[in-house]
Amino acid sequence: MQAAPAAVQRVLQDRVQRAMADAPETGEAQPPRARQKKTLTPLGQLNQYMATATQAGPELKSAQRFRETWSRICAEEDVTQAVERGPENAGPLNSHMLVLRTLGLMRDLSPDYLRRFMSHADTLLWLEQAHGRLKEPAGKTKPVKTGRVKR
C-alpha cells in the first residue's frame, strides 16, 4: 500500500477503516492501529519521488514538440549516415542497398513514418541482442561430436 500513489492509498485506507468498523466485535478491545511510517531506503525514496513526479500532469506541449523533433532529426541523421556508409558498386538486387534505398525514400516521403519505423527497428534489435545474451552459455563447453555408431 505504501508504494501506491497517494490517491490510491486514501481509497485503500478508507476501505480498511470501513471494514474495521463493520467487523463484528470479538469481545476484546482492539484499538485501530496507527499507520506506522517505515523509513524508506534510498531506492524506496526514489520510487516514491518518481511516483509523485509522474502525477504532476500531462507533458508540456513544448517538451512534446521538442521530443518529437529530436527523434525525427535523429532518425533522419541515422538514415543519412547509413546511406553514406552503404556498399559501393552493389548490384541492383543487393539486399543492403535495397534497404538503404527504401529508408532514403521513406525519409523523403514520410519523416514521421520513418521515425516510427526506426523506433520499432531499434526495439527489435535490442530484443534480439538481449535474447542472444540470455542464450550464451555460462562457461565454455565442448561441442558434442556426432559420429558413426560402431556395430
Protein backbone atom coordinates (compact mmCIF):
# COMPACT_ATOMS: atom_id res chain seq x y z
CA MET A 1 0.00 0.00 0.00
CA GLN A 2 2.90 2.35 0.70
CA ALA A 3 4.18 2.01 -2.85
CA ALA A 4 0.80 3.06 -4.29
CA PRO A 5 0.08 6.68 -5.26
CA ALA A 6 -1.42 8.95 -2.61
CA ALA A 7 -4.93 8.83 -4.10
CA VAL A 8 -4.92 5.02 -4.09
CA GLN A 9 -3.59 5.00 -0.53
CA ARG A 10 -6.50 7.20 0.60
CA VAL A 11 -9.06 4.90 -1.04
CA LEU A 12 -7.47 1.80 0.47
CA GLN A 13 -7.23 3.41 3.89
CA ASP A 14 -10.94 4.35 3.74
CA ARG A 15 -11.84 0.76 2.82
CA VAL A 16 -9.78 -0.64 5.68
CA GLN A 17 -11.43 1.73 8.15
CA ARG A 18 -14.92 0.84 6.87
CA ALA A 19 -14.12 -2.87 7.08
CA MET A 20 -12.86 -2.48 10.63
CA ALA A 21 -15.97 -0.53 11.61
CA ASP A 22 -18.26 -3.16 10.03
CA ALA A 23 -16.39 -6.10 11.59
CA PRO A 24 -18.16 -7.81 14.49
CA GLU A 25 -16.81 -7.19 17.97
CA THR A 26 -14.83 -10.12 19.35
CA GLY A 27 -15.24 -9.00 22.91
CA GLU A 28 -11.69 -7.73 23.13
CA ALA A 29 -10.95 -4.08 22.79
CA GLN A 30 -8.85 -3.73 19.68
CA PRO A 31 -7.86 -0.15 19.11
CA PRO A 32 -7.21 0.63 15.47
CA ARG A 33 -3.54 0.60 14.77
CA ALA A 34 -1.99 3.86 13.83
CA ARG A 35 -0.34 3.64 10.45
CA GLN A 36 3.34 3.23 11.10
CA LYS A 37 5.69 5.00 8.75
CA LYS A 38 8.66 2.93 7.82
CA THR A 39 11.92 4.58 6.99
CA LEU A 40 12.40 4.23 3.28
CA THR A 41 15.59 3.05 1.65
CA PRO A 42 17.16 5.36 -0.91
CA LEU A 43 15.62 3.24 -3.67
CA GLY A 44 12.22 3.46 -1.98
CA GLN A 45 12.60 7.22 -1.71
CA LEU A 46 13.46 7.43 -5.41
CA ASN A 47 10.42 5.30 -6.32
CA GLN A 48 8.20 7.48 -4.16
CA TYR A 49 9.60 10.65 -5.74
CA MET A 50 9.11 9.26 -9.25
CA ALA A 51 5.53 8.25 -8.44
CA THR A 52 4.66 11.74 -7.23
CA ALA A 53 6.53 13.42 -10.10
CA THR A 54 4.60 11.47 -12.73
CA GLN A 55 1.30 12.54 -11.16
CA ALA A 56 2.15 16.19 -11.87
CA GLY A 57 0.05 16.20 -15.02
CA PRO A 58 0.37 15.92 -18.75
CA GLU A 59 3.58 16.66 -20.58
CA LEU A 60 4.14 20.25 -21.66
CA LYS A 61 3.36 20.84 -25.33
CA SER A 62 6.75 22.46 -25.89
CA ALA A 63 8.51 19.44 -24.38
CA GLN A 64 6.42 17.09 -26.52
CA ARG A 65 7.26 19.06 -29.69
CA PHE A 66 10.95 19.09 -28.75
CA ARG A 67 10.96 15.31 -28.16
CA GLU A 68 9.21 14.63 -31.48
CA THR A 69 11.52 16.99 -33.39
CA TRP A 70 14.60 15.49 -31.76
CA SER A 71 13.57 11.92 -32.60
CA ARG A 72 12.78 12.94 -36.20
CA ILE A 73 16.19 14.59 -36.61
CA CYS A 74 17.98 11.59 -35.09
CA ALA A 75 16.14 9.16 -37.38
CA GLU A 76 16.96 11.25 -40.46
CA GLU A 77 20.63 11.51 -39.45
CA ASP A 78 20.82 7.76 -38.86
CA VAL A 79 19.45 7.07 -42.34
CA THR A 80 21.78 9.64 -43.94
CA GLN A 81 24.82 8.05 -42.25
CA ALA A 82 23.70 4.56 -43.23
CA VAL A 83 23.26 5.59 -46.89
CA GLU A 84 26.71 7.21 -46.90
CA ARG A 85 28.30 4.06 -45.46
CA GLY A 86 26.47 1.80 -47.90
CA PRO A 87 28.36 -0.56 -50.16
CA GLU A 88 29.80 0.88 -53.33
CA ASN A 89 29.24 -0.84 -56.67
CA ALA A 90 26.50 -3.03 -55.26
CA GLY A 91 24.22 -4.74 -57.71
CA PRO A 92 20.59 -3.72 -58.23
CA LEU A 93 19.30 -6.62 -56.13
CA ASN A 94 21.77 -6.27 -53.26
CA SER A 95 19.62 -6.53 -50.12
CA HIS A 96 21.69 -3.99 -48.19
CA MET A 97 21.32 -1.39 -50.95
CA LEU A 98 17.60 -2.12 -51.32
CA VAL A 99 17.05 -1.46 -47.61
CA LEU A 100 19.12 1.73 -47.72
CA ARG A 101 17.26 2.95 -50.80
CA THR A 102 13.93 2.21 -49.13
CA LEU A 103 14.93 4.10 -45.98
CA GLY A 104 16.09 7.05 -48.09
CA LEU A 105 12.75 7.16 -49.91
CA MET A 106 10.90 6.84 -46.61
CA ARG A 107 12.92 9.77 -45.25
CA ASP A 108 11.93 11.92 -48.22
CA LEU A 109 8.26 10.88 -48.41
CA SER A 110 7.21 10.48 -44.79
CA PRO A 111 9.60 11.53 -42.00
CA ASP A 112 7.04 10.65 -39.30
CA TYR A 113 6.65 7.11 -40.62
CA LEU A 114 10.46 6.80 -40.82
CA ARG A 115 10.75 7.89 -37.17
CA ARG A 116 8.21 5.28 -36.06
CA PHE A 117 9.77 2.60 -38.24
CA MET A 118 13.25 3.33 -36.84
CA SER A 119 11.87 3.18 -33.30
CA HIS A 120 10.38 -0.26 -33.97
CA ALA A 121 13.58 -1.44 -35.65
CA ASP A 122 15.68 -0.26 -32.68
CA THR A 123 13.37 -2.07 -30.29
CA LEU A 124 13.57 -5.30 -32.30
CA LEU A 125 17.37 -5.01 -32.47
CA TRP A 126 17.55 -4.52 -28.71
CA LEU A 127 15.29 -7.54 -28.11
CA GLU A 128 17.40 -9.68 -30.43
CA GLN A 129 20.60 -8.67 -28.64
CA ALA A 130 19.04 -9.28 -25.22
CA HIS A 131 17.81 -12.70 -26.35
CA GLY A 132 21.31 -13.53 -27.61
CA ARG A 133 22.82 -12.63 -24.25
CA LEU A 134 20.36 -14.92 -22.48
CA LYS A 135 21.23 -17.84 -24.73
CA GLU A 136 25.02 -17.58 -24.21
CA PRO A 137 26.37 -20.43 -22.10
CA ALA A 138 27.79 -19.53 -18.70
CA GLY A 139 31.04 -21.42 -19.27
CA LYS A 140 32.97 -22.89 -22.13
CA THR A 141 31.58 -26.23 -23.18
CA LYS A 142 32.93 -28.68 -25.70
CA PRO A 143 30.73 -29.27 -28.73
CA VAL A 144 29.09 -32.66 -28.85
CA LYS A 145 30.64 -34.87 -31.51
CA THR A 146 28.30 -36.78 -33.68
CA GLY A 147 29.88 -39.69 -35.38
CA ARG A 148 29.10 -43.05 -36.77
CA VAL A 149 27.89 -45.67 -34.35
CA LYS A 150 30.06 -48.79 -34.31
CA ARG A 151 28.21 -52.05 -34.70
